[in-house]
Protein backbone atom coordinates (compact mmCIF):
# COMPACT_ATOMS: atom_id res chain seq x y z
CA MET A 1 213.72 -109.48 -111.18
CA LEU A 2 211.40 -112.42 -111.65
CA THR A 3 210.81 -114.02 -115.01
CA VAL A 4 207.65 -115.87 -115.88
CA VAL A 5 209.46 -119.20 -115.61
CA GLY A 6 211.05 -118.11 -112.33
CA TYR A 7 207.67 -117.16 -110.96
CA TYR A 8 206.18 -120.56 -111.67
CA GLU A 9 209.20 -122.35 -110.27
CA HIS A 10 209.29 -120.23 -107.13
CA TYR A 11 205.61 -119.76 -106.28
CA ASN A 12 203.73 -122.71 -107.77
CA HIS A 13 205.96 -125.70 -107.17
CA HIS A 14 204.86 -126.19 -103.55
CA TYR A 15 201.21 -126.58 -104.55
CA GLU A 16 202.08 -129.51 -106.78
CA LYS A 17 204.35 -131.20 -104.24
CA ASP A 18 202.46 -130.55 -101.01
CA PRO A 19 198.80 -131.58 -100.97
CA VAL A 20 198.37 -129.82 -97.62
CA MET A 21 198.83 -126.49 -99.43
CA ALA A 22 195.68 -127.17 -101.45
CA GLN A 23 193.46 -127.81 -98.41
CA ARG A 24 190.27 -125.80 -98.27
CA SER A 25 191.11 -124.26 -94.89
CA SER A 26 194.66 -124.29 -93.61
CA ALA A 27 195.97 -122.97 -90.32
CA LEU A 28 197.79 -120.18 -92.18
CA ARG A 29 194.63 -119.15 -94.03
CA THR A 30 192.63 -119.18 -90.81
CA ARG A 31 195.25 -116.97 -89.14
CA ARG A 32 195.27 -114.56 -92.09
CA MET A 33 191.47 -114.28 -92.06
CA ALA A 34 191.60 -113.56 -88.32
CA ASN A 35 194.27 -110.90 -88.95
CA LEU A 36 192.12 -109.30 -91.64
CA GLY A 37 189.18 -109.22 -89.24
CA GLU A 38 191.32 -107.66 -86.52
CA ASN A 39 192.55 -105.04 -88.98
CA LEU A 40 188.98 -104.18 -89.94
CA ARG A 41 188.03 -103.87 -86.26
CA SER A 42 191.01 -101.54 -85.77
CA TRP A 43 189.92 -99.41 -88.75
CA ARG A 44 186.46 -99.18 -87.21
CA LYS A 45 187.78 -98.19 -83.80
CA VAL A 46 190.31 -95.59 -85.00
CA GLN A 47 187.41 -93.90 -86.78
CA ARG A 48 185.46 -94.00 -83.49
CA LEU A 49 182.67 -96.02 -85.08
CA THR A 50 180.65 -98.46 -83.00
CA ALA A 51 179.81 -101.90 -84.29
CA ALA A 52 176.16 -100.86 -84.45
CA MET A 53 177.02 -97.81 -86.58
CA VAL A 54 179.09 -99.80 -89.08
CA ALA A 55 176.53 -102.60 -89.29
CA GLU A 56 173.70 -100.14 -89.93
CA ARG A 57 175.64 -98.20 -92.57
CA ALA A 58 176.72 -101.43 -94.28
CA GLY A 59 173.17 -102.80 -94.26
CA ILE A 60 174.11 -105.88 -92.24
CA ASN A 61 173.38 -107.03 -88.71
CA ARG A 62 175.88 -106.94 -85.85
CA THR A 63 176.24 -110.72 -85.91
CA THR A 64 177.51 -110.54 -89.49
CA LEU A 65 179.88 -107.71 -88.59
CA ARG A 66 181.15 -109.75 -85.65
CA ALA A 67 181.79 -112.70 -88.00
CA ILE A 68 183.71 -110.41 -90.37
CA GLU A 69 185.79 -108.94 -87.53
CA GLU A 70 186.52 -112.44 -86.20
CA GLY A 71 187.73 -113.57 -89.64
CA SER A 72 184.97 -116.07 -90.30
CA GLY A 73 185.25 -117.71 -93.69
CA ALA A 74 181.48 -118.00 -93.95
CA VAL A 75 180.61 -114.36 -94.66
CA LYS A 76 179.42 -113.19 -98.06
CA MET A 77 181.86 -111.16 -100.09
CA GLU A 78 179.09 -108.60 -100.61
CA ASN A 79 178.86 -108.05 -96.84
CA LEU A 80 182.62 -107.82 -96.45
CA PHE A 81 182.77 -105.27 -99.24
CA ALA A 82 179.95 -103.24 -97.68
CA VAL A 83 182.03 -102.98 -94.49
CA LEU A 84 185.14 -101.99 -96.49
CA GLU A 85 183.08 -99.21 -98.11
CA VAL A 86 181.83 -97.92 -94.76
CA LEU A 87 185.40 -97.89 -93.44
CA GLY A 88 186.60 -96.08 -96.57
CA ILE A 89 189.18 -98.70 -97.51
CA ASP A 90 187.41 -100.46 -100.38
CA ASP A 91 189.56 -98.73 -103.02
CA ALA A 92 192.79 -99.66 -101.22
CA VAL A 93 191.76 -103.30 -100.86
CA THR A 94 190.68 -103.48 -104.50
CA ALA A 95 193.97 -101.92 -105.61
CA ALA A 96 195.91 -104.41 -103.48
CA THR A 97 194.43 -107.26 -105.49
CA ASP A 98 195.25 -105.76 -108.90
CA PRO A 99 198.02 -107.83 -110.52
CA ALA A 100 199.44 -104.67 -112.10
CA ASN A 101 200.26 -103.39 -108.59
CA ASP A 102 202.43 -106.39 -107.69
CA GLU A 103 205.81 -107.51 -109.02
CA ARG A 104 204.68 -111.10 -109.53
CA GLY A 105 201.48 -109.93 -111.20
CA ARG A 106 203.37 -107.63 -113.57
CA VAL A 107 205.69 -110.49 -114.54
CA LEU A 108 202.74 -112.71 -115.36
CA LEU A 109 200.85 -109.93 -117.15
CA ALA A 110 203.90 -109.29 -119.33
CA ASP A 111 203.39 -112.78 -120.75
CA GLY A 112 199.84 -111.84 -121.73
CA LEU A 113 196.47 -112.43 -120.15
CA PRO A 114 194.82 -115.50 -121.67
CA ASP A 115 191.17 -115.42 -122.73
CA ARG A 116 190.64 -118.79 -121.05
CA VAL A 117 192.69 -120.92 -118.70
CA ARG A 118 192.73 -124.60 -119.51
CA PRO A 119 194.57 -127.51 -117.88
C-alpha cells in the first residue's frame, strides 16, 4: 500500500528531474488524446450512431466532433462533455477522475484536502 510520502517519491519525482515531462504537449499525451478520441468513436459506432446524429444531439458541428474523435487538444471541455453525455458515458468518465476512486487519490485524501495549494 502506498503512503503519502511513497506517493510523492514514486509519482512526482520525475516531474522535478525531467523537464520534458512538464512540456505542454508530449508524444505520450498526444497518443493518449488520440486513444481517447478513438474510444469515443468506438462508443458512437457500437451504439449505431452516425457522426451527424451525435453532433446534432450534442449541439456541436461535425467538424468539432471530428476533432474530438481525432484527439485534438483544441476542443472545448464543454463540447467534449456534451459528446460524453450523448454517448451515455459522462458519469463513468466523471467517476474515473474522482480521487476517491483511485488508490493514489485515496492515499492523498487521507492526508487531508487543503483549502489552498501554495508553493
